[in-house]
Amino acid sequence: MAVATFIQDGAAIDHTPGSAVAAGDVVVQGDLIGVAKRPIAANELGALSIEGVFDFPKATGVGTAIAVGATVYWDVADSEAKEDSETGANKQLGKVVAAAGDNDTTVRVRLSQ
């Protein structure tokens, strides 16, 4: 008898938000982070990408550069990627795939859960 039943490839997961989600919004569910590639209306079934490479906002200024290969976390309060997990308050987003300098407003990240 089969123990597991295949549902989907897993690059995206089903999501029914309680309030509308815009394209590009980052959705945190526990330790799982997804990105809406398309708008999802409140209480309507949509999908969140949990794999792929995305540009995320980051802080600017001295000391905010992020190197390739660094692990970054999503700070919900600041709506930005950063290297600090803030003792688990920020959830792991993924690995940086293109260096971001102090003056860069975004950082390119490969999602990894």
PDB file of N, CA and C in Angstrom:
ATOM      1  N   MET A   1       0.838  -1.181   0.000  1.00  0.00           N
ATOM      2  CA  MET A   1       0.000   0.000   0.000  1.00  0.00           C
ATOM      3  C   MET A   1       0.882   1.242   0.000  1.00  0.00           C
ATOM      4  N   ALA A   2       0.525   2.227  -0.800  1.00  0.00           N
ATOM      5  CA  ALA A   2       1.273   3.487  -0.887  1.00  0.00           C
ATOM      6  C   ALA A   2       1.145   4.275   0.408  1.00  0.00           C
ATOM      7  N   VAL A   3       2.254   4.878   0.813  1.00  0.00           N
ATOM      8  CA  VAL A   3       2.257   5.689   2.023  1.00  0.00           C
ATOM      9  C   VAL A   3       2.016   7.158   1.684  1.00  0.00           C
ATOM     10  N   ALA A   4       2.552   7.606   0.555  1.00  0.00           N
ATOM     11  CA  ALA A   4       2.411   9.003   0.141  1.00  0.00           C
ATOM     12  C   ALA A   4       1.712   9.085  -1.213  1.00  0.00           C
ATOM     13  N   THR A   5       0.956  10.133  -1.426  1.00  0.00           N
ATOM     14  CA  THR A   5       0.261  10.382  -2.681  1.00  0.00           C
ATOM     15  C   THR A   5       0.782  11.674  -3.287  1.00  0.00           C
ATOM     16  N   PHE A   6       1.264  11.630  -4.530  1.00  0.00           N
ATOM     17  CA  PHE A   6       1.784  12.815  -5.208  1.00  0.00           C
ATOM     18  C   PHE A   6       0.666  13.836  -5.396  1.00  0.00           C
ATOM     19  N   ILE A   7       0.970  15.101  -5.090  1.00  0.00           N
ATOM     20  CA  ILE A   7      -0.003  16.185  -5.247  1.00  0.00           C
ATOM     21  C   ILE A   7       0.435  17.170  -6.316  1.00  0.00           C
ATOM     22  N   GLN A   8       1.683  17.685  -6.218  1.00  0.00           N
ATOM     23  CA  GLN A   8       2.182  18.660  -7.186  1.00  0.00           C
ATOM     24  C   GLN A   8       3.704  18.699  -7.117  1.00  0.00           C
ATOM     25  N   ASP A   9       4.343  19.354  -8.090  1.00  0.00           N
ATOM     26  CA  ASP A   9       5.800  19.416  -8.132  1.00  0.00           C
ATOM     27  C   ASP A   9       6.390  20.140  -6.927  1.00  0.00           C
ATOM     28  N   GLY A  10       5.732  21.133  -6.417  1.00  0.00           N
ATOM     29  CA  GLY A  10       6.206  21.801  -5.220  1.00  0.00           C
ATOM     30  C   GLY A  10       6.925  23.112  -5.445  1.00  0.00           C
ATOM     31  N   ALA A  11       7.038  23.573  -6.676  1.00  0.00           N
ATOM     32  CA  ALA A  11       7.643  24.882  -6.927  1.00  0.00           C
ATOM     33  C   ALA A  11       6.703  25.987  -6.455  1.00  0.00           C
ATOM     34  N   ALA A  12       5.430  25.659  -6.409  1.00  0.00           N
ATOM     35  CA  ALA A  12       4.405  26.587  -5.912  1.00  0.00           C
ATOM     36  C   ALA A  12       3.437  25.790  -5.049  1.00  0.00           C
ATOM     37  N   ILE A  13       2.841  26.482  -4.104  1.00  0.00           N
ATOM     38  CA  ILE A  13       1.858  25.840  -3.234  1.00  0.00           C
ATOM     39  C   ILE A  13       0.554  26.614  -3.274  1.00  0.00           C
ATOM     40  N   ASP A  14      -0.537  25.912  -3.030  1.00  0.00           N
ATOM     41  CA  ASP A  14      -1.842  26.560  -2.963  1.00  0.00           C
ATOM     42  C   ASP A  14      -1.906  27.475  -1.749  1.00  0.00           C
ATOM     43  N   HIS A  15      -2.600  28.604  -1.914  1.00  0.00           N
ATOM     44  CA  HIS A  15      -2.751  29.550  -0.799  1.00  0.00           C
ATOM     45  C   HIS A  15      -4.078  30.284  -0.958  1.00  0.00           C
ATOM     46  N   THR A  16      -4.843  30.320   0.118  1.00  0.00           N
ATOM     47  CA  THR A  16      -6.090  31.078   0.160  1.00  0.00           C
ATOM     48  C   THR A  16      -5.944  32.131   1.257  1.00  0.00           C
ATOM     49  N   PRO A  17      -5.643  33.378   0.889  1.00  0.00           N
ATOM     50  CA  PRO A  17      -5.401  34.410   1.889  1.00  0.00           C
ATOM     51  C   PRO A  17      -6.692  34.961   2.482  1.00  0.00           C
ATOM     52  N   GLY A  18      -6.596  35.398   3.733  1.00  0.00           N
ATOM     53  CA  GLY A  18      -7.742  36.034   4.382  1.00  0.00           C
ATOM     54  C   GLY A  18      -7.979  37.443   3.874  1.00  0.00           C
ATOM     55  N   SER A  19      -6.911  38.087   3.363  1.00  0.00           N
ATOM     56  CA  SER A  19      -7.034  39.412   2.749  1.00  0.00           C
ATOM     57  C   SER A  19      -6.245  39.389   1.446  1.00  0.00           C
ATOM     58  N   ALA A  20      -6.554  40.315   0.563  1.00  0.00           N
ATOM     59  CA  ALA A  20      -5.950  40.334  -0.768  1.00  0.00           C
ATOM     60  C   ALA A  20      -4.424  40.371  -0.689  1.00  0.00           C
ATOM     61  N   VAL A  21      -3.790  39.678  -1.625  1.00  0.00           N
ATOM     62  CA  VAL A  21      -2.339  39.633  -1.741  1.00  0.00           C
ATOM     63  C   VAL A  21      -1.981  40.167  -3.123  1.00  0.00           C
ATOM     64  N   ALA A  22      -1.071  41.134  -3.180  1.00  0.00           N
ATOM     65  CA  ALA A  22      -0.648  41.706  -4.460  1.00  0.00           C
ATOM     66  C   ALA A  22       0.469  40.866  -5.071  1.00  0.00           C
ATOM     67  N   ALA A  23       0.628  40.954  -6.376  1.00  0.00           N
ATOM     68  CA  ALA A  23       1.745  40.298  -7.040  1.00  0.00           C
ATOM     69  C   ALA A  23       3.036  40.845  -6.443  1.00  0.00           C
ATOM     70  N   GLY A  24       3.947  39.947  -6.096  1.00  0.00           N
ATOM     71  CA  GLY A  24       5.210  40.348  -5.501  1.00  0.00           C
ATOM     72  C   GLY A  24       5.209  40.370  -3.989  1.00  0.00           C
ATOM     73  N   ASP A  25       4.040  40.220  -3.378  1.00  0.00           N
ATOM     74  CA  ASP A  25       3.977  40.192  -1.916  1.00  0.00           C
ATOM     75  C   ASP A  25       4.664  38.937  -1.388  1.00  0.00           C
ATOM     76  N   VAL A  26       5.346  39.106  -0.258  1.00  0.00           N
ATOM     77  CA  VAL A  26       5.983  38.004   0.438  1.00  0.00           C
ATOM     78  C   VAL A  26       5.022  37.546   1.523  1.00  0.00           C
ATOM     79  N   VAL A  27       4.721  36.252   1.533  1.00  0.00           N
ATOM     80  CA  VAL A  27       3.776  35.690   2.497  1.00  0.00           C
ATOM     81  C   VAL A  27       4.531  34.717   3.405  1.00  0.00           C
ATOM     82  N   VAL A  28       4.448  34.960   4.704  1.00  0.00           N
ATOM     83  CA  VAL A  28       5.117  34.113   5.686  1.00  0.00           C
ATOM     84  C   VAL A  28       4.058  33.292   6.408  1.00  0.00           C
ATOM     85  N   GLN A  29       4.239  31.970   6.385  1.00  0.00           N
ATOM     86  CA  GLN A  29       3.353  31.045   7.093  1.00  0.00           C
ATOM     87  C   GLN A  29       4.239  30.161   7.957  1.00  0.00           C
ATOM     88  N   GLY A  30       4.377  30.510   9.221  1.00  0.00           N
ATOM     89  CA  GLY A  30       5.305  29.784  10.083  1.00  0.00           C
ATOM     90  C   GLY A  30       6.715  29.996   9.580  1.00  0.00           C
ATOM     91  N   ASP A  31       7.424  28.895   9.260  1.00  0.00           N
ATOM     92  CA  ASP A  31       8.772  28.986   8.707  1.00  0.00           C
ATOM     93  C   ASP A  31       8.777  28.912   7.182  1.00  0.00           C
ATOM     94  N   LEU A  32       7.611  28.865   6.563  1.00  0.00           N
ATOM     95  CA  LEU A  32       7.485  28.759   5.107  1.00  0.00           C
ATOM     96  C   LEU A  32       7.247  30.144   4.515  1.00  0.00           C
ATOM     97  N   ILE A  33       8.078  30.500   3.534  1.00  0.00           N
ATOM     98  CA  ILE A  33       7.936  31.793   2.862  1.00  0.00           C
ATOM     99  C   ILE A  33       7.634  31.557   1.394  1.00  0.00           C
ATOM    100  N   GLY A  34       6.650  32.290   0.884  1.00  0.00           N
ATOM    101  CA  GLY A  34       6.300  32.218  -0.522  1.00  0.00           C
ATOM    102  C   GLY A  34       6.120  33.604  -1.098  1.00  0.00           C
ATOM    103  N   VAL A  35       6.179  33.684  -2.423  1.00  0.00           N
ATOM    104  CA  VAL A  35       6.002  34.951  -3.126  1.00  0.00           C
ATOM    105  C   VAL A  35       4.838  34.791  -4.100  1.00  0.00           C
ATOM    106  N   ALA A  36       3.915  35.745  -4.060  1.00  0.00           N
ATOM    107  CA  ALA A  36       2.783  35.728  -4.989  1.00  0.00           C
ATOM    108  C   ALA A  36       3.257  36.272  -6.337  1.00  0.00           C
ATOM    109  N   LYS A  37       3.184  35.457  -7.375  1.00  0.00           N
ATOM    110  CA  LYS A  37       3.569  35.921  -8.706  1.00  0.00           C
ATOM    111  C   LYS A  37       2.428  36.676  -9.378  1.00  0.00           C
ATOM    112  N   ARG A  38       1.226  36.429  -8.905  1.00  0.00           N
ATOM    113  CA  ARG A  38       0.023  37.111  -9.417  1.00  0.00           C
ATOM    114  C   ARG A  38      -0.813  37.551  -8.225  1.00  0.00           C
ATOM    115  N   PRO A  39      -1.671  38.542  -8.411  1.00  0.00           N
ATOM    116  CA  PRO A  39      -2.549  38.943  -7.302  1.00  0.00           C
ATOM    117  C   PRO A  39      -3.475  37.794  -6.904  1.00  0.00           C
ATOM    118  N   ILE A  40      -3.782  37.723  -5.612  1.00  0.00           N
ATOM    119  CA  ILE A  40      -4.728  36.728  -5.111  1.00  0.00           C
ATOM    120  C   ILE A  40      -5.786  37.481  -4.312  1.00  0.00           C
ATOM    121  N   ALA A  41      -7.028  37.353  -4.713  1.00  0.00           N
ATOM    122  CA  ALA A  41      -8.118  38.020  -4.003  1.00  0.00           C
ATOM    123  C   ALA A  41      -8.350  37.363  -2.650  1.00  0.00           C
ATOM    124  N   ALA A  42      -8.869  38.120  -1.712  1.00  0.00           N
ATOM    125  CA  ALA A  42      -9.183  37.580  -0.389  1.00  0.00           C
ATOM    126  C   ALA A  42     -10.109  36.383  -0.512  1.00  0.00           C
ATOM    127  N   ASN A  43      -9.807  35.340   0.236  1.00  0.00           N
ATOM    128  CA  ASN A  43     -10.618  34.128   0.303  1.00  0.00           C
ATOM    129  C   ASN A  43     -10.738  33.385  -1.027  1.00  0.00           C
ATOM    130  N   GLU A  44      -9.811  33.644  -1.950  1.00  0.00           N
ATOM    131  CA  GLU A  44      -9.786  32.943  -3.237  1.00  0.00           C
ATOM    132  C   GLU A  44      -8.506  32.112  -3.316  1.00  0.00           C
ATOM    133  N   LEU A  45      -8.574  30.953  -3.926  1.00  0.00           N
ATOM    134  CA  LEU A  45      -7.417  30.083  -4.076  1.00  0.00           C
ATOM    135  C   LEU A  45      -6.437  30.683  -5.077  1.00  0.00           C
ATOM    136  N   GLY A  46      -5.173  30.734  -4.689  1.00  0.00           N
ATOM    137  CA  GLY A  46      -4.105  31.205  -5.563  1.00  0.00           C
ATOM    138  C   GLY A  46      -2.872  30.360  -5.312  1.00  0.00           C
ATOM    139  N   ALA A  47      -1.728  30.861  -5.744  1.00  0.00           N
ATOM    140  CA  ALA A  47      -0.490  30.102  -5.579  1.00  0.00           C
ATOM    141  C   ALA A  47       0.639  31.009  -5.115  1.00  0.00           C
ATOM    142  N   LEU A  48       1.515  30.439  -4.312  1.00  0.00           N
ATOM    143  CA  LEU A  48       2.732  31.115  -3.871  1.00  0.00           C
ATOM    144  C   LEU A  48       3.929  30.335  -4.383  1.00  0.00           C
ATOM    145  N   SER A  49       4.893  31.033  -4.964  1.00  0.00           N
ATOM    146  CA  SER A  49       6.146  30.394  -5.374  1.00  0.00           C
ATOM    147  C   SER A  49       7.002  30.184  -4.143  1.00  0.00           C
ATOM    148  N   ILE A  50       7.505  28.968  -3.977  1.00  0.00           N
ATOM    149  CA  ILE A  50       8.409  28.692  -2.861  1.00  0.00           C
ATOM    150  C   ILE A  50       9.775  28.251  -3.386  1.00  0.00           C
ATOM    151  N   GLU A  51       9.954  28.341  -4.694  1.00  0.00           N
ATOM    152  CA  GLU A  51      11.237  28.091  -5.351  1.00  0.00           C
ATOM    153  C   GLU A  51      11.448  29.200  -6.364  1.00  0.00           C
ATOM    154  N   GLY A  52      12.688  29.437  -6.713  1.00  0.00           N
ATOM    155  CA  GLY A  52      12.993  30.422  -7.738  1.00  0.00           C
ATOM    156  C   GLY A  52      13.921  31.507  -7.214  1.00  0.00           C
ATOM    157  N   VAL A  53      14.263  32.419  -8.109  1.00  0.00           N
ATOM    158  CA  VAL A  53      15.154  33.524  -7.783  1.00  0.00           C
ATOM    159  C   VAL A  53      14.370  34.821  -7.932  1.00  0.00           C
ATOM    160  N   PHE A  54      14.416  35.641  -6.888  1.00  0.00           N
ATOM    161  CA  PHE A  54      13.661  36.883  -6.847  1.00  0.00           C
ATOM    162  C   PHE A  54      14.546  38.015  -6.338  1.00  0.00           C
ATOM    163  N   ASP A  55      14.231  39.241  -6.736  1.00  0.00           N
ATOM    164  CA  ASP A  55      14.854  40.430  -6.153  1.00  0.00           C
ATOM    165  C   ASP A  55      13.977  40.885  -5.001  1.00  0.00           C
ATOM    166  N   PHE A  56      14.586  41.050  -3.829  1.00  0.00           N
ATOM    167  CA  PHE A  56      13.869  41.500  -2.638  1.00  0.00           C
ATOM    168  C   PHE A  56      14.436  42.834  -2.188  1.00  0.00           C
ATOM    169  N   PRO A  57      13.604  43.695  -1.594  1.00  0.00           N
ATOM    170  CA  PRO A  57      14.125  44.950  -1.068  1.00  0.00           C
ATOM    171  C   PRO A  57      15.122  44.696   0.063  1.00  0.00           C
ATOM    172  N   LYS A  58      16.085  45.605   0.191  1.00  0.00           N
ATOM    173  CA  LYS A  58      17.046  45.554   1.287  1.00  0.00           C
ATOM    174  C   LYS A  58      17.333  46.976   1.746  1.00  0.00           C
ATOM    175  N   ALA A  59      17.877  47.108   2.936  1.00  0.00           N
ATOM    176  CA  ALA A  59      18.265  48.412   3.458  1.00  0.00           C
ATOM    177  C   ALA A  59      19.453  48.947   2.661  1.00  0.00           C
ATOM    178  N   THR A  60      19.636  50.269   2.664  1.00  0.00           N
ATOM    179  CA  THR A  60      20.789  50.892   2.034  1.00  0.00           C
ATOM    180  C   THR A  60      21.589  51.644   3.088  1.00  0.00           C
ATOM    181  N   GLY A  61      22.815  51.982   2.731  1.00  0.00           N
ATOM    182  CA  GLY A  61      23.682  52.722   3.640  1.00  0.00           C
ATOM    183  C   GLY A  61      24.894  51.898   4.018  1.00  0.00           C
ATOM    184  N   VAL A  62      25.813  52.535   4.707  1.00  0.00           N
ATOM    185  CA  VAL A  62      27.063  51.900   5.107  1.00  0.00           C
ATOM    186  C   VAL A  62      26.787  50.638   5.927  1.00  0.00           C
ATOM    187  N   GLY A  63      27.436  49.548   5.527  1.00  0.00           N
ATOM    188  CA  GLY A  63      27.314  48.296   6.257  1.00  0.00           C
ATOM    189  C   GLY A  63      26.137  47.429   5.870  1.00  0.00           C
ATOM    190  N   THR A  64      25.448  47.764   4.766  1.00  0.00           N
ATOM    191  CA  THR A  64      24.279  46.974   4.373  1.00  0.00           C
ATOM    192  C   THR A  64      24.547  46.064   3.170  1.00  0.00           C
ATOM    193  N   ALA A  65      25.798  46.032   2.691  1.00  0.00           N
ATOM    194  CA  ALA A  65      26.137  45.151   1.568  1.00  0.00           C
ATOM    195  C   ALA A  65      25.929  43.695   1.988  1.00  0.00           C
ATOM    196  N   ILE A  66      25.530  42.865   1.015  1.00  0.00           N
ATOM    197  CA  ILE A  66      25.335  41.444   1.273  1.00  0.00           C
ATOM    198  C   ILE A  66      26.075  40.664   0.191  1.00  0.00           C
ATOM    199  N   ALA A  67      26.934  39.735   0.610  1.00  0.00           N
ATOM    200  CA  ALA A  67      27.775  38.978  -0.309  1.00  0.00           C
ATOM    201  C   ALA A  67      27.037  37.786  -0.914  1.00  0.00           C
ATOM    202  N   VAL A  68      27.529  37.347  -2.070  1.00  0.00           N
ATOM    203  CA  VAL A  68      27.016  36.131  -2.704  1.00  0.00           C
ATOM    204  C   VAL A  68      27.192  34.968  -1.735  1.00  0.00           C
ATOM    205  N   GLY A  69      26.187  34.129  -1.642  1.00  0.00           N
ATOM    206  CA  GLY A  69      26.238  32.949  -0.790  1.00  0.00           C
ATOM    207  C   GLY A  69      25.753  33.177   0.622  1.00  0.00           C
ATOM    208  N   ALA A  70      25.526  34.436   0.989  1.00  0.00           N
ATOM    209  CA  ALA A  70      25.038  34.717   2.342  1.00  0.00           C
ATOM    210  C   ALA A  70      23.610  34.220   2.498  1.00  0.00           C
ATOM    211  N   THR A  71      23.288  33.757   3.688  1.00  0.00           N
ATOM    212  CA  THR A  71      21.913  33.404   4.019  1.00  0.00           C
ATOM    213  C   THR A  71      21.202  34.682   4.444  1.00  0.00           C
ATOM    214  N   VAL A  72      20.018  34.904   3.891  1.00  0.00           N
ATOM    215  CA  VAL A  72      19.239  36.084   4.275  1.00  0.00           C
ATOM    216  C   VAL A  72      17.880  35.664   4.820  1.00  0.00           C
ATOM    217  N   TYR A  73      17.308  36.560   5.582  1.00  0.00           N
ATOM    218  CA  TYR A  73      16.041  36.336   6.279  1.00  0.00           C
ATOM    219  C   TYR A  73      15.065  37.430   5.895  1.00  0.00           C
ATOM    220  N   TRP A  74      13.768  37.133   5.971  1.00  0.00           N
ATOM    221  CA  TRP A  74      12.736  38.118   5.667  1.00  0.00           C
ATOM    222  C   TRP A  74      12.277  38.779   6.957  1.00  0.00           C
ATOM    223  N   ASP A  75      12.432  40.093   7.015  1.00  0.00           N
ATOM    224  CA  ASP A  75      11.981  40.888   8.151  1.00  0.00           C
ATOM    225  C   ASP A  75      10.598  41.428   7.805  1.00  0.00           C
ATOM    226  N   VAL A  76       9.567  40.837   8.383  1.00  0.00           N
ATOM    227  CA  VAL A  76       8.182  41.224   8.085  1.00  0.00           C
ATOM    228  C   VAL A  76       7.934  42.678   8.464  1.00  0.00           C
ATOM    229  N   ALA A  77       8.442  43.099   9.618  1.00  0.00           N
ATOM    230  CA  ALA A  77       8.195  44.463  10.102  1.00  0.00           C
ATOM    231  C   ALA A  77       8.784  45.512   9.165  1.00  0.00           C
ATOM    232  N   ASP A  78       9.981  45.245   8.627  1.00  0.00           N
ATOM    233  CA  ASP A  78      10.643  46.205   7.743  1.00  0.00           C
ATOM    234  C   ASP A  78      10.414  45.912   6.263  1.00  0.00           C
ATOM    235  N   SER A  79       9.787  44.792   5.944  1.00  0.00           N
ATOM    236  CA  SER A  79       9.554  44.347   4.559  1.00  0.00           C
ATOM    237  C   SER A  79      10.842  44.377   3.743  1.00  0.00           C
ATOM    238  N   GLU A  80      11.883  43.702   4.293  1.00  0.00           N
ATOM    239  CA  GLU A  80      13.153  43.645   3.577  1.00  0.00           C
ATOM    240  C   GLU A  80      13.935  42.400   3.968  1.00  0.00           C
ATOM    241  N   ALA A  81      14.841  42.040   3.059  1.00  0.00           N
ATOM    242  CA  ALA A  81      15.752  40.931   3.310  1.00  0.00           C
ATOM    243  C   ALA A  81      16.947  41.459   4.086  1.00  0.00           C
ATOM    244  N   LYS A  82      17.414  40.660   5.055  1.00  0.00           N
ATOM    245  CA  LYS A  82      18.598  41.046   5.823  1.00  0.00           C
ATOM    246  C   LYS A  82      19.309  39.802   6.316  1.00  0.00           C
ATOM    247  N   GLU A  83      20.568  39.970   6.709  1.00  0.00           N
ATOM    248  CA  GLU A  83      21.366  38.835   7.163  1.00  0.00           C
ATOM    249  C   GLU A  83      21.076  38.440   8.605  1.00  0.00           C
ATOM    250  N   ASP A  84      20.372  39.240   9.341  1.00  0.00           N
ATOM    251  CA  ASP A  84      20.113  39.004  10.762  1.00  0.00           C
ATOM    252  C   ASP A  84      18.773  38.288  10.954  1.00  0.00           C
ATOM    253  N   SER A  85      18.815  37.134  11.620  1.00  0.00           N
ATOM    254  CA  SER A  85      17.572  36.404  11.889  1.00  0.00           C
ATOM    255  C   SER A  85      16.805  37.013  13.059  1.00  0.00           C
ATOM    256  N   GLU A  86      17.461  37.929  13.776  1.00  0.00           N
ATOM    257  CA  GLU A  86      16.871  38.567  14.954  1.00  0.00           C
ATOM    258  C   GLU A  86      16.292  37.515  15.898  1.00  0.00           C
ATOM    259  N   THR A  87      17.148  36.557  16.247  1.00  0.00           N
ATOM    260  CA  THR A  87      16.823  35.475  17.182  1.00  0.00           C
ATOM    261  C   THR A  87      15.571  34.707  16.765  1.00  0.00           C
ATOM    262  N   GLY A  88      15.450  34.471  15.469  1.00  0.00           N
ATOM    263  CA  GLY A  88      14.344  33.670  14.955  1.00  0.00           C
ATOM    264  C   GLY A  88      13.101  34.444  14.576  1.00  0.00           C
ATOM    265  N   ALA A  89      13.073  35.744  14.870  1.00  0.00           N
ATOM    266  CA  ALA A  89      11.902  36.551  14.498  1.00  0.00           C
ATOM    267  C   ALA A  89      11.782  36.658  12.976  1.00  0.00           C
ATOM    268  N   ASN A  90      12.923  36.743  12.280  1.00  0.00           N
ATOM    269  CA  ASN A  90      12.935  36.792  10.819  1.00  0.00           C
ATOM    270  C   ASN A  90      13.118  35.369  10.303  1.00  0.00           C
ATOM    271  N   LYS A  91      12.351  35.008   9.305  1.00  0.00           N
ATOM    272  CA  LYS A  91      12.388  33.638   8.774  1.00  0.00           C
ATOM    273  C   LYS A  91      13.344  33.538   7.597  1.00  0.00           C
ATOM    274  N   GLN A  92      14.008  32.378   7.481  1.00  0.00           N
ATOM    275  CA  GLN A  92      14.976  32.185   6.410  1.00  0.00           C
ATOM    276  C   GLN A  92      14.310  32.307   5.052  1.00  0.00           C
ATOM    277  N   LEU A  93      14.908  33.164   4.228  1.00  0.00           N
ATOM    278  CA  LEU A  93      14.409  33.414   2.885  1.00  0.00           C
ATOM    279  C   LEU A  93      15.169  32.572   1.873  1.00  0.00           C
ATOM    280  N   GLY A  94      16.501  32.590   1.948  1.00  0.00           N
ATOM    281  CA  GLY A  94      17.305  31.818   1.019  1.00  0.00           C
ATOM    282  C   GLY A  94      18.732  32.299   0.974  1.00  0.00           C
ATOM    283  N   LYS A  95      19.398  32.007  -0.157  1.00  0.00           N
ATOM    284  CA  LYS A  95      20.798  32.360  -0.358  1.00  0.00           C
ATOM    285  C   LYS A  95      20.920  33.441  -1.421  1.00  0.00           C
ATOM    286  N   VAL A  96      21.831  34.376  -1.179  1.00  0.00           N
ATOM    287  CA  VAL A  96      22.090  35.464  -2.121  1.00  0.00           C
ATOM    288  C   VAL A  96      22.849  34.903  -3.323  1.00  0.00           C
ATOM    289  N   VAL A  97      22.397  35.246  -4.542  1.00  0.00           N
ATOM    290  CA  VAL A  97      23.039  34.744  -5.758  1.00  0.00           C
ATOM    291  C   VAL A  97      23.741  35.834  -6.555  1.00  0.00           C
ATOM    292  N   ALA A  98      23.579  37.099  -6.150  1.00  0.00           N
ATOM    293  CA  ALA A  98      24.288  38.220  -6.770  1.00  0.00           C
ATOM    294  C   ALA A  98      24.576  39.230  -5.663  1.00  0.00           C
ATOM    295  N   ALA A  99      25.836  39.610  -5.539  1.00  0.00           N
ATOM    296  CA  ALA A  99      26.222  40.535  -4.476  1.00  0.00           C
ATOM    297  C   ALA A  99      25.411  41.830  -4.567  1.00  0.00           C
ATOM    298  N   ALA A 100      25.058  42.368  -3.405  1.00  0.00           N
ATOM    299  CA  ALA A 100      24.332  43.637  -3.324  1.00  0.00           C
ATOM    300  C   ALA A 100      25.183  44.601  -2.506  1.00  0.00           C
ATOM    301  N   GLY A 101      25.486  45.748  -3.079  1.00  0.00           N
ATOM    302  CA  GLY A 101      26.311  46.742  -2.406  1.00  0.00           C
ATOM    303  C   GLY A 101      25.512  47.597  -1.434  1.00  0.00           C
ATOM    304  N   ASP A 102      26.234  48.430  -0.694  1.00  0.00           N
ATOM    305  CA  ASP A 102      25.604  49.314   0.280  1.00  0.00           C
ATOM    306  C   ASP A 102      24.511  50.197  -0.331  1.00  0.00           C
ATOM    307  N   ASN A 103      24.703  50.625  -1.583  1.00  0.00           N
ATOM    308  CA  ASN A 103      23.737  51.530  -2.217  1.00  0.00           C
ATOM    309  C   ASN A 103      22.632  50.818  -2.987  1.00  0.00           C
ATOM    310  N   ASP A 104      22.731  49.491  -3.117  1.00  0.00           N
ATOM    311  CA  ASP A 104      21.698  48.728  -3.831  1.00  0.00           C
ATOM    312  C   ASP A 104      20.434  48.650  -2.986  1.00  0.00           C
ATOM    313  N   THR A 105      19.291  48.828  -3.627  1.00  0.00           N
ATOM    314  CA  THR A 105      18.006  48.781  -2.918  1.00  0.00           C
ATOM    315  C   THR A 105      17.401  47.385  -2.910  1.00  0.00           C
ATOM    316  N   THR A 106      17.987  46.468  -3.711  1.00  0.00           N
ATOM    317  CA  THR A 106      17.484  45.094  -3.752  1.00  0.00           C
ATOM    318  C   THR A 106      18.649  44.110  -3.664  1.00  0.00           C
ATOM    319  N   VAL A 107      18.284  42.878  -3.314  1.00  0.00           N
ATOM    320  CA  VAL A 107      19.234  41.779  -3.285  1.00  0.00           C
ATOM    321  C   VAL A 107      18.579  40.587  -3.969  1.00  0.00           C
ATOM    322  N   ARG A 108      19.357  39.884  -4.820  1.00  0.00           N
ATOM    323  CA  ARG A 108      18.834  38.740  -5.568  1.00  0.00           C
ATOM    324  C   ARG A 108      19.036  37.470  -4.762  1.00  0.00           C
ATOM    325  N   VAL A 109      17.917  36.771  -4.516  1.00  0.00           N
ATOM    326  CA  VAL A 109      17.921  35.623  -3.605  1.00  0.00           C
ATOM    327  C   VAL A 109      17.274  34.413  -4.259  1.00  0.00           C
ATOM    328  N   ARG A 110      17.911  33.253  -4.069  1.00  0.00           N
ATOM    329  CA  ARG A 110      17.295  31.973  -4.443  1.00  0.00           C
ATOM    330  C   ARG A 110      16.552  31.475  -3.222  1.00  0.00           C
ATOM    331  N   LEU A 111      15.236  31.347  -3.346  1.00  0.00           N
ATOM    332  CA  LEU A 111      14.435  30.881  -2.224  1.00  0.00           C
ATOM    333  C   LEU A 111      14.871  29.486  -1.796  1.00  0.00           C
ATOM    334  N   SER A 112      14.965  29.289  -0.508  1.00  0.00           N
ATOM    335  CA  SER A 112      15.230  27.963   0.031  1.00  0.00           C
ATOM    336  C   SER A 112      14.596  27.883   1.412  1.00  0.00           C
ATOM    337  N   GLN A 113      13.912  26.810   1.637  1.00  0.00           N
ATOM    338  CA  GLN A 113      13.189  26.648   2.893  1.00  0.00           C
ATOM    339  C   GLN A 113      13.984  25.832   3.865  1.00  0.00           C
TER     340      GLN A 113
END
